Amino acid sequence: MERRRREALRQRLLAMKAEIEALGAQNDTDRRTVELDQQTVGRLSRMDALQVQAMAQETRRRRQRELARIAAALALIEEGEFGWCRKCGEAISDARLEIDPAAPLCVDCAR
């Protein structure tokens, strides 16, 4: 892979990382512990708050997985191993990397 293309994908990965981190900071309040104070919050409101909390926690887990994929791709760029399938060792197509620059597998191995 040519150096300029690799650098463009690196910049895209860094932008994706920054966006995910910014979204995570915005949702910190939704993940906080739900208070069980009967005087201030009714039962249904608590149930709604618990549901929002559970969804926020799952969203956070998904974002962390995506950040791990991005970190792995950035490490591969630094090592000079970016763009090669982690399973079969063949080159990952440019089209696949354009869609998902953090893709660790070629199309055949991903199936």
C-alpha atoms as a PDB file:
ATOM      1  CA  MET A   1       0.000   0.000   0.000  1.00  0.00           C
ATOM      2  CA  GLU A   2       1.352   3.391  -0.926  1.00  0.00           C
ATOM      3  CA  ARG A   3       2.430   5.729   1.833  1.00  0.00           C
ATOM      4  CA  ARG A   4      -0.043   8.518   0.996  1.00  0.00           C
ATOM      5  CA  ARG A   5      -3.030   6.145   1.030  1.00  0.00           C
ATOM      6  CA  ARG A   6      -1.876   4.595   4.301  1.00  0.00           C
ATOM      7  CA  GLU A   7      -1.564   8.067   5.847  1.00  0.00           C
ATOM      8  CA  ALA A   8      -5.055   9.016   4.643  1.00  0.00           C
ATOM      9  CA  LEU A   9      -6.483   5.890   6.285  1.00  0.00           C
ATOM     10  CA  ARG A  10      -4.498   6.632   9.445  1.00  0.00           C
ATOM     11  CA  GLN A  11      -6.020  10.113   9.594  1.00  0.00           C
ATOM     12  CA  ARG A  12      -9.483   8.618   9.090  1.00  0.00           C
ATOM     13  CA  LEU A  13      -8.894   6.159  11.928  1.00  0.00           C
ATOM     14  CA  LEU A  14      -7.768   8.988  14.207  1.00  0.00           C
ATOM     15  CA  ALA A  15     -10.891  10.995  13.311  1.00  0.00           C
ATOM     16  CA  MET A  16     -13.100   7.968  14.025  1.00  0.00           C
ATOM     17  CA  LYS A  17     -11.366   7.522  17.379  1.00  0.00           C
ATOM     18  CA  ALA A  18     -11.875  11.180  18.320  1.00  0.00           C
ATOM     19  CA  GLU A  19     -15.552  11.040  17.352  1.00  0.00           C
ATOM     20  CA  ILE A  20     -16.192   7.898  19.402  1.00  0.00           C
ATOM     21  CA  GLU A  21     -14.395   9.348  22.415  1.00  0.00           C
ATOM     22  CA  ALA A  22     -16.442  12.566  22.162  1.00  0.00           C
ATOM     23  CA  LEU A  23     -19.695  10.619  21.982  1.00  0.00           C
ATOM     24  CA  GLY A  24     -18.647   8.583  25.015  1.00  0.00           C
ATOM     25  CA  ALA A  25     -18.064  11.717  27.058  1.00  0.00           C
ATOM     26  CA  GLN A  26     -21.550  12.970  26.179  1.00  0.00           C
ATOM     27  CA  ASN A  27     -23.222   9.794  27.493  1.00  0.00           C
ATOM     28  CA  ASP A  28     -21.499   9.648  30.880  1.00  0.00           C
ATOM     29  CA  THR A  29     -24.586  10.933  32.662  1.00  0.00           C
ATOM     30  CA  ASP A  30     -26.792   8.161  31.253  1.00  0.00           C
ATOM     31  CA  ARG A  31     -24.492   5.463  32.696  1.00  0.00           C
ATOM     32  CA  ARG A  32     -24.519   6.816  36.244  1.00  0.00           C
ATOM     33  CA  THR A  33     -26.133   4.813  39.053  1.00  0.00           C
ATOM     34  CA  VAL A  34     -29.919   5.108  39.239  1.00  0.00           C
ATOM     35  CA  GLU A  35     -31.078   6.357  42.626  1.00  0.00           C
ATOM     36  CA  LEU A  36     -33.924   4.402  44.233  1.00  0.00           C
ATOM     37  CA  ASP A  37     -35.437   7.322  46.142  1.00  0.00           C
ATOM     38  CA  GLN A  38     -39.239   6.842  46.272  1.00  0.00           C
ATOM     39  CA  GLN A  39     -39.770  10.501  47.192  1.00  0.00           C
ATOM     40  CA  THR A  40     -38.271  11.998  44.041  1.00  0.00           C
ATOM     41  CA  VAL A  41     -38.764   9.357  41.347  1.00  0.00           C
ATOM     42  CA  GLY A  42     -41.748   7.091  40.744  1.00  0.00           C
ATOM     43  CA  ARG A  43     -41.502   3.404  39.961  1.00  0.00           C
ATOM     44  CA  LEU A  44     -41.997   3.803  36.199  1.00  0.00           C
ATOM     45  CA  SER A  45     -39.499   6.644  36.041  1.00  0.00           C
ATOM     46  CA  ARG A  46     -36.938   4.442  37.801  1.00  0.00           C
ATOM     47  CA  MET A  47     -37.648   1.626  35.345  1.00  0.00           C
ATOM     48  CA  ASP A  48     -37.129   4.036  32.462  1.00  0.00           C
ATOM     49  CA  ALA A  49     -33.918   5.302  34.054  1.00  0.00           C
ATOM     50  CA  LEU A  50     -32.675   1.718  34.504  1.00  0.00           C
ATOM     51  CA  GLN A  51     -33.438   0.962  30.863  1.00  0.00           C
ATOM     52  CA  VAL A  52     -31.610   4.106  29.706  1.00  0.00           C
ATOM     53  CA  GLN A  53     -28.686   3.130  31.938  1.00  0.00           C
ATOM     54  CA  ALA A  54     -28.543  -0.406  30.486  1.00  0.00           C
ATOM     55  CA  MET A  55     -28.645   0.915  26.922  1.00  0.00           C
ATOM     56  CA  ALA A  56     -25.919   3.459  27.704  1.00  0.00           C
ATOM     57  CA  GLN A  57     -23.730   0.754  29.209  1.00  0.00           C
ATOM     58  CA  GLU A  58     -24.131  -1.451  26.131  1.00  0.00           C
ATOM     59  CA  THR A  59     -23.383   1.506  23.877  1.00  0.00           C
ATOM     60  CA  ARG A  60     -20.239   2.137  25.904  1.00  0.00           C
ATOM     61  CA  ARG A  61     -19.152  -1.517  25.499  1.00  0.00           C
ATOM     62  CA  ARG A  62     -19.662  -1.289  21.734  1.00  0.00           C
ATOM     63  CA  ARG A  63     -17.691   1.930  21.552  1.00  0.00           C
ATOM     64  CA  GLN A  64     -14.860   0.360  23.553  1.00  0.00           C
ATOM     65  CA  ARG A  65     -14.765  -2.597  21.143  1.00  0.00           C
ATOM     66  CA  GLU A  66     -14.617  -0.194  18.205  1.00  0.00           C
ATOM     67  CA  LEU A  67     -11.848   1.815  19.887  1.00  0.00           C
ATOM     68  CA  ALA A  68      -9.908  -1.430  20.378  1.00  0.00           C
ATOM     69  CA  ARG A  69     -10.290  -2.239  16.656  1.00  0.00           C
ATOM     70  CA  ILE A  70      -9.099   1.248  15.746  1.00  0.00           C
ATOM     71  CA  ALA A  71      -6.135   1.008  18.138  1.00  0.00           C
ATOM     72  CA  ALA A  72      -5.172  -2.340  16.604  1.00  0.00           C
ATOM     73  CA  ALA A  73      -5.322  -0.876  13.084  1.00  0.00           C
ATOM     74  CA  LEU A  74      -3.224   2.126  14.136  1.00  0.00           C
ATOM     75  CA  ALA A  75      -0.654  -0.221  15.708  1.00  0.00           C
ATOM     76  CA  LEU A  76      -0.491  -2.197  12.451  1.00  0.00           C
ATOM     77  CA  ILE A  77       0.148   1.014  10.531  1.00  0.00           C
ATOM     78  CA  GLU A  78       3.041   1.839  12.867  1.00  0.00           C
ATOM     79  CA  GLU A  79       4.450  -1.685  12.459  1.00  0.00           C
ATOM     80  CA  GLY A  80       4.119  -1.572   8.677  1.00  0.00           C
ATOM     81  CA  GLU A  81       1.710  -4.518   8.686  1.00  0.00           C
ATOM     82  CA  PHE A  82      -1.493  -2.615   7.861  1.00  0.00           C
ATOM     83  CA  GLY A  83      -3.689  -3.870   5.038  1.00  0.00           C
ATOM     84  CA  TRP A  84      -2.926  -7.564   5.442  1.00  0.00           C
ATOM     85  CA  CYS A  85      -5.511 -10.110   6.598  1.00  0.00           C
ATOM     86  CA  ARG A  86      -4.861 -11.300  10.155  1.00  0.00           C
ATOM     87  CA  LYS A  87      -6.133 -14.793   9.271  1.00  0.00           C
ATOM     88  CA  CYS A  88      -4.817 -15.738   5.823  1.00  0.00           C
ATOM     89  CA  GLY A  89      -2.117 -13.107   5.316  1.00  0.00           C
ATOM     90  CA  GLU A  90      -3.452 -11.912   1.959  1.00  0.00           C
ATOM     91  CA  ALA A  91      -3.916  -8.228   1.160  1.00  0.00           C
ATOM     92  CA  ILE A  92      -7.204  -6.664   2.236  1.00  0.00           C
ATOM     93  CA  SER A  93      -8.814  -4.960  -0.763  1.00  0.00           C
ATOM     94  CA  ASP A  94      -8.702  -1.171  -0.979  1.00  0.00           C
ATOM     95  CA  ALA A  95     -12.489  -1.099  -1.314  1.00  0.00           C
ATOM     96  CA  ARG A  96     -12.895  -2.950   1.989  1.00  0.00           C
ATOM     97  CA  LEU A  97     -10.430  -0.654   3.750  1.00  0.00           C
ATOM     98  CA  GLU A  98     -12.233   2.364   2.312  1.00  0.00           C
ATOM     99  CA  ILE A  99     -15.478   1.145   3.901  1.00  0.00           C
ATOM    100  CA  ASP A 100     -13.861   0.073   7.177  1.00  0.00           C
ATOM    101  CA  PRO A 101     -10.240   1.114   7.683  1.00  0.00           C
ATOM    102  CA  ALA A 102     -10.106  -0.937  10.905  1.00  0.00           C
ATOM    103  CA  ALA A 103     -11.056  -4.186   9.131  1.00  0.00           C
ATOM    104  CA  PRO A 104      -8.673  -6.926  10.343  1.00  0.00           C
ATOM    105  CA  LEU A 105      -9.787  -9.563   7.802  1.00  0.00           C
ATOM    106  CA  CYS A 106     -10.162  -9.817   4.054  1.00  0.00           C
ATOM    107  CA  VAL A 107     -13.657 -10.355   2.630  1.00  0.00           C
ATOM    108  CA  ASP A 108     -13.192 -14.128   2.239  1.00  0.00           C
ATOM    109  CA  CYS A 109     -12.004 -14.661   5.821  1.00  0.00           C
ATOM    110  CA  ALA A 110     -14.699 -12.363   7.220  1.00  0.00           C
ATOM    111  CA  ARG A 111     -17.416 -14.600   5.744  1.00  0.00           C
END
